[in-house]
């Protein structure tokens, strides 16, 4: 029985990961569209994602994160009245 439970747990974990990565792929695709539109409006040649240490330096005024999130949320409203997490 323990082996069956472990197998079921592993299968459930794998299914959850598949769903998570599928959802993230959809969200990232939509975010790229929003960032591309914003870049065109502002005449930017490149938009970089700042994850960890991948960015050496950027002028603080060029950070589009808040604007991309705002536009993404406006274009993709959450069903059921869910509220966004509070800002840190």
N, C-alpha and C. Protein backbone atom coordinates (compact mmCIF):
# COMPACT_ATOMS: atom_id res chain seq x y z
N UNK A 1 0.82 -1.20 0.00
CA UNK A 1 0.00 0.00 0.00
C UNK A 1 0.86 1.26 0.00
N UNK A 2 1.97 1.19 0.72
CA UNK A 2 2.84 2.36 0.77
C UNK A 2 3.39 2.68 -0.62
N UNK A 3 3.76 1.65 -1.36
CA UNK A 3 4.28 1.86 -2.72
C UNK A 3 3.22 2.47 -3.62
N UNK A 4 1.97 2.03 -3.46
CA UNK A 4 0.88 2.61 -4.24
C UNK A 4 0.67 4.07 -3.89
N UNK A 5 0.70 4.38 -2.60
CA UNK A 5 0.52 5.77 -2.16
C UNK A 5 1.65 6.65 -2.68
N UNK A 6 2.88 6.15 -2.63
CA UNK A 6 4.02 6.92 -3.14
C UNK A 6 3.89 7.13 -4.64
N UNK A 7 3.46 6.09 -5.35
CA UNK A 7 3.26 6.21 -6.79
C UNK A 7 2.18 7.22 -7.13
N UNK A 8 1.09 7.20 -6.38
CA UNK A 8 0.00 8.15 -6.59
C UNK A 8 0.45 9.57 -6.29
N UNK A 9 1.23 9.72 -5.22
CA UNK A 9 1.74 11.05 -4.87
C UNK A 9 2.68 11.56 -5.95
N UNK A 10 3.54 10.70 -6.47
CA UNK A 10 4.47 11.10 -7.53
C UNK A 10 3.71 11.48 -8.79
N UNK A 11 2.68 10.73 -9.13
CA UNK A 11 1.87 11.04 -10.31
C UNK A 11 1.14 12.36 -10.14
N UNK A 12 0.60 12.59 -8.95
CA UNK A 12 -0.09 13.85 -8.67
C UNK A 12 0.88 15.02 -8.75
N UNK A 13 2.08 14.84 -8.21
CA UNK A 13 3.10 15.89 -8.26
C UNK A 13 3.47 16.21 -9.71
N UNK A 14 3.63 15.17 -10.51
CA UNK A 14 3.99 15.36 -11.91
C UNK A 14 2.87 16.10 -12.66
N UNK A 15 1.64 15.75 -12.37
CA UNK A 15 0.49 16.40 -13.01
C UNK A 15 0.41 17.87 -12.60
N UNK A 16 0.68 18.14 -11.31
CA UNK A 16 0.66 19.53 -10.83
C UNK A 16 1.76 20.34 -11.52
N UNK A 17 2.94 19.78 -11.65
CA UNK A 17 4.04 20.49 -12.32
C UNK A 17 3.70 20.76 -13.78
N UNK A 18 3.09 19.80 -14.44
CA UNK A 18 2.69 19.98 -15.83
C UNK A 18 1.69 21.13 -15.96
N UNK A 19 0.70 21.17 -15.07
CA UNK A 19 -0.30 22.24 -15.08
C UNK A 19 0.35 23.58 -14.78
N UNK A 20 1.27 23.60 -13.81
CA UNK A 20 1.95 24.84 -13.44
C UNK A 20 2.74 25.39 -14.61
N UNK A 21 3.56 24.55 -15.24
CA UNK A 21 4.39 25.02 -16.34
C UNK A 21 3.55 25.42 -17.55
N UNK A 22 2.44 24.74 -17.77
CA UNK A 22 1.53 25.14 -18.85
C UNK A 22 0.93 26.51 -18.60
N UNK A 23 0.51 26.74 -17.36
CA UNK A 23 -0.06 28.04 -17.00
C UNK A 23 0.99 29.14 -17.10
N UNK A 24 2.20 28.85 -16.63
CA UNK A 24 3.28 29.85 -16.69
C UNK A 24 3.62 30.19 -18.14
N UNK A 25 3.64 29.20 -19.01
CA UNK A 25 3.93 29.45 -20.42
C UNK A 25 2.89 30.39 -21.03
N UNK A 26 1.63 30.19 -20.68
CA UNK A 26 0.56 31.06 -21.17
C UNK A 26 0.73 32.48 -20.65
N UNK A 27 1.00 32.61 -19.35
CA UNK A 27 1.16 33.93 -18.74
C UNK A 27 2.36 34.66 -19.33
N UNK A 28 3.48 33.97 -19.47
CA UNK A 28 4.69 34.59 -20.00
C UNK A 28 4.47 35.04 -21.44
N UNK A 29 3.77 34.24 -22.22
CA UNK A 29 3.47 34.64 -23.59
C UNK A 29 2.67 35.93 -23.64
N UNK A 30 1.67 36.04 -22.76
CA UNK A 30 0.86 37.26 -22.70
C UNK A 30 1.69 38.44 -22.20
N UNK A 31 2.57 38.20 -21.23
CA UNK A 31 3.43 39.27 -20.71
C UNK A 31 4.35 39.79 -21.81
N UNK A 32 4.88 38.90 -22.64
CA UNK A 32 5.76 39.32 -23.73
C UNK A 32 5.03 40.22 -24.71
N UNK A 33 3.77 39.91 -24.99
CA UNK A 33 2.98 40.77 -25.88
C UNK A 33 2.81 42.16 -25.29
N UNK A 34 2.48 42.21 -24.01
CA UNK A 34 2.29 43.50 -23.32
C UNK A 34 3.60 44.28 -23.31
N UNK A 35 4.71 43.62 -22.97
CA UNK A 35 6.01 44.29 -22.93
C UNK A 35 6.40 44.78 -24.31
N UNK A 36 6.11 44.01 -25.35
CA UNK A 36 6.43 44.43 -26.71
C UNK A 36 5.65 45.66 -27.13
N UNK A 37 4.38 45.71 -26.78
CA UNK A 37 3.56 46.89 -27.10
C UNK A 37 4.10 48.12 -26.39
N UNK A 38 4.43 47.96 -25.13
CA UNK A 38 4.97 49.08 -24.34
C UNK A 38 6.31 49.54 -24.91
N UNK A 39 7.15 48.61 -25.30
CA UNK A 39 8.45 48.96 -25.89
C UNK A 39 8.27 49.75 -27.18
N UNK A 40 7.33 49.33 -28.02
CA UNK A 40 7.08 50.07 -29.27
C UNK A 40 6.62 51.49 -28.98
N UNK A 41 5.71 51.63 -28.00
CA UNK A 41 5.21 52.96 -27.63
C UNK A 41 6.34 53.88 -27.18
N UNK A 42 7.30 53.32 -26.45
CA UNK A 42 8.38 54.13 -25.89
C UNK A 42 9.62 54.16 -26.76
N UNK A 43 9.58 53.52 -27.91
CA UNK A 43 10.71 53.53 -28.83
C UNK A 43 11.92 52.76 -28.31
N UNK A 44 11.68 51.70 -27.57
CA UNK A 44 12.78 50.91 -27.02
C UNK A 44 13.17 49.81 -27.99
N UNK A 45 14.45 49.55 -28.10
CA UNK A 45 14.95 48.51 -29.00
C UNK A 45 14.98 47.15 -28.33
N UNK A 46 15.14 47.12 -27.01
CA UNK A 46 15.28 45.86 -26.27
C UNK A 46 14.58 46.00 -24.92
N UNK A 47 13.92 44.92 -24.50
CA UNK A 47 13.37 44.83 -23.15
C UNK A 47 13.96 43.57 -22.54
N UNK A 48 14.62 43.72 -21.41
CA UNK A 48 15.27 42.59 -20.75
C UNK A 48 14.54 42.23 -19.47
N UNK A 49 14.50 40.95 -19.19
CA UNK A 49 13.95 40.47 -17.93
C UNK A 49 15.05 40.54 -16.89
N UNK A 50 14.75 41.09 -15.74
CA UNK A 50 15.76 41.18 -14.68
C UNK A 50 15.49 40.12 -13.64
N UNK A 51 16.12 38.99 -13.81
CA UNK A 51 16.03 37.88 -12.86
C UNK A 51 17.39 37.66 -12.23
N UNK A 52 17.45 37.75 -10.94
CA UNK A 52 18.71 37.47 -10.26
C UNK A 52 19.83 38.39 -10.70
N UNK A 53 20.94 37.80 -11.11
CA UNK A 53 22.13 38.57 -11.47
C UNK A 53 22.31 38.73 -12.97
N UNK A 54 21.27 38.50 -13.77
CA UNK A 54 21.42 38.57 -15.21
C UNK A 54 21.59 40.00 -15.72
N UNK A 55 21.14 41.00 -14.98
CA UNK A 55 21.25 42.39 -15.41
C UNK A 55 22.43 43.03 -14.69
N UNK A 56 23.33 43.61 -15.47
CA UNK A 56 24.49 44.27 -14.89
C UNK A 56 24.08 45.63 -14.33
N UNK A 57 23.39 46.44 -15.14
CA UNK A 57 22.95 47.75 -14.70
C UNK A 57 21.89 48.27 -15.65
N UNK A 58 20.94 49.03 -15.12
CA UNK A 58 19.93 49.71 -15.93
C UNK A 58 19.50 50.96 -15.18
N UNK A 59 19.22 52.01 -15.94
CA UNK A 59 18.74 53.25 -15.34
C UNK A 59 17.40 52.98 -14.66
N UNK A 60 17.24 53.40 -13.42
CA UNK A 60 16.01 53.12 -12.68
C UNK A 60 14.73 53.58 -13.40
N UNK A 61 14.80 54.65 -14.15
CA UNK A 61 13.63 55.15 -14.86
C UNK A 61 13.19 54.27 -16.01
N UNK A 62 14.00 53.30 -16.38
CA UNK A 62 13.65 52.42 -17.50
C UNK A 62 12.95 51.15 -17.06
N UNK A 63 12.75 50.95 -15.78
CA UNK A 63 12.11 49.74 -15.29
C UNK A 63 10.62 49.79 -15.66
N UNK A 64 10.18 48.87 -16.51
CA UNK A 64 8.81 48.83 -17.00
C UNK A 64 7.92 47.85 -16.23
N UNK A 65 8.46 47.23 -15.20
CA UNK A 65 7.77 46.15 -14.51
C UNK A 65 6.36 46.53 -14.06
N UNK A 66 6.22 47.62 -13.33
CA UNK A 66 4.92 48.01 -12.81
C UNK A 66 3.92 48.28 -13.93
N UNK A 67 4.39 48.95 -15.00
CA UNK A 67 3.51 49.26 -16.12
C UNK A 67 3.10 48.00 -16.88
N UNK A 68 4.02 47.08 -17.07
CA UNK A 68 3.68 45.81 -17.75
C UNK A 68 2.65 45.05 -16.93
N UNK A 69 2.85 44.97 -15.63
CA UNK A 69 1.90 44.26 -14.76
C UNK A 69 0.52 44.93 -14.80
N UNK A 70 0.50 46.24 -14.74
CA UNK A 70 -0.76 46.99 -14.77
C UNK A 70 -1.51 46.70 -16.08
N UNK A 71 -0.81 46.75 -17.20
CA UNK A 71 -1.44 46.51 -18.49
C UNK A 71 -1.85 45.05 -18.65
N UNK A 72 -1.03 44.15 -18.17
CA UNK A 72 -1.36 42.72 -18.23
C UNK A 72 -2.65 42.46 -17.45
N UNK A 73 -2.73 42.99 -16.25
CA UNK A 73 -3.91 42.80 -15.41
C UNK A 73 -5.16 43.39 -16.05
N UNK A 74 -5.01 44.54 -16.72
CA UNK A 74 -6.15 45.16 -17.39
C UNK A 74 -6.61 44.32 -18.57
N UNK A 75 -5.68 43.72 -19.29
CA UNK A 75 -6.01 42.91 -20.46
C UNK A 75 -6.45 41.50 -20.11
N UNK A 76 -6.13 41.04 -18.90
CA UNK A 76 -6.42 39.67 -18.47
C UNK A 76 -7.04 39.66 -17.09
N UNK A 77 -8.28 40.15 -16.97
CA UNK A 77 -8.90 40.20 -15.64
C UNK A 77 -9.10 38.81 -15.05
N UNK A 78 -8.99 38.72 -13.75
CA UNK A 78 -9.15 37.45 -13.04
C UNK A 78 -10.64 37.21 -12.83
N UNK A 79 -11.08 35.99 -13.16
CA UNK A 79 -12.48 35.64 -12.96
C UNK A 79 -12.75 35.36 -11.48
N UNK A 80 -13.94 35.61 -11.07
CA UNK A 80 -14.33 35.29 -9.69
C UNK A 80 -14.01 36.38 -8.70
N UNK A 81 -13.56 37.53 -9.15
CA UNK A 81 -13.31 38.64 -8.26
C UNK A 81 -12.09 38.51 -7.38
N UNK A 82 -11.14 37.67 -7.76
CA UNK A 82 -9.93 37.53 -6.95
C UNK A 82 -9.15 38.84 -6.96
N UNK A 83 -8.52 39.12 -5.86
CA UNK A 83 -7.76 40.36 -5.73
C UNK A 83 -6.27 40.09 -5.85
N UNK A 84 -5.53 41.02 -6.44
CA UNK A 84 -4.07 40.81 -6.52
C UNK A 84 -3.44 40.87 -5.14
N UNK A 85 -2.31 40.22 -5.02
CA UNK A 85 -1.57 40.23 -3.75
C UNK A 85 -1.10 41.65 -3.45
N UNK A 86 -1.04 42.05 -2.20
CA UNK A 86 -0.57 43.38 -1.85
C UNK A 86 0.91 43.55 -2.19
N UNK A 87 1.27 44.80 -2.54
CA UNK A 87 2.68 45.08 -2.85
C UNK A 87 3.51 44.99 -1.60
N UNK A 88 4.73 44.55 -1.80
CA UNK A 88 5.66 44.40 -0.66
C UNK A 88 6.25 45.73 -0.27
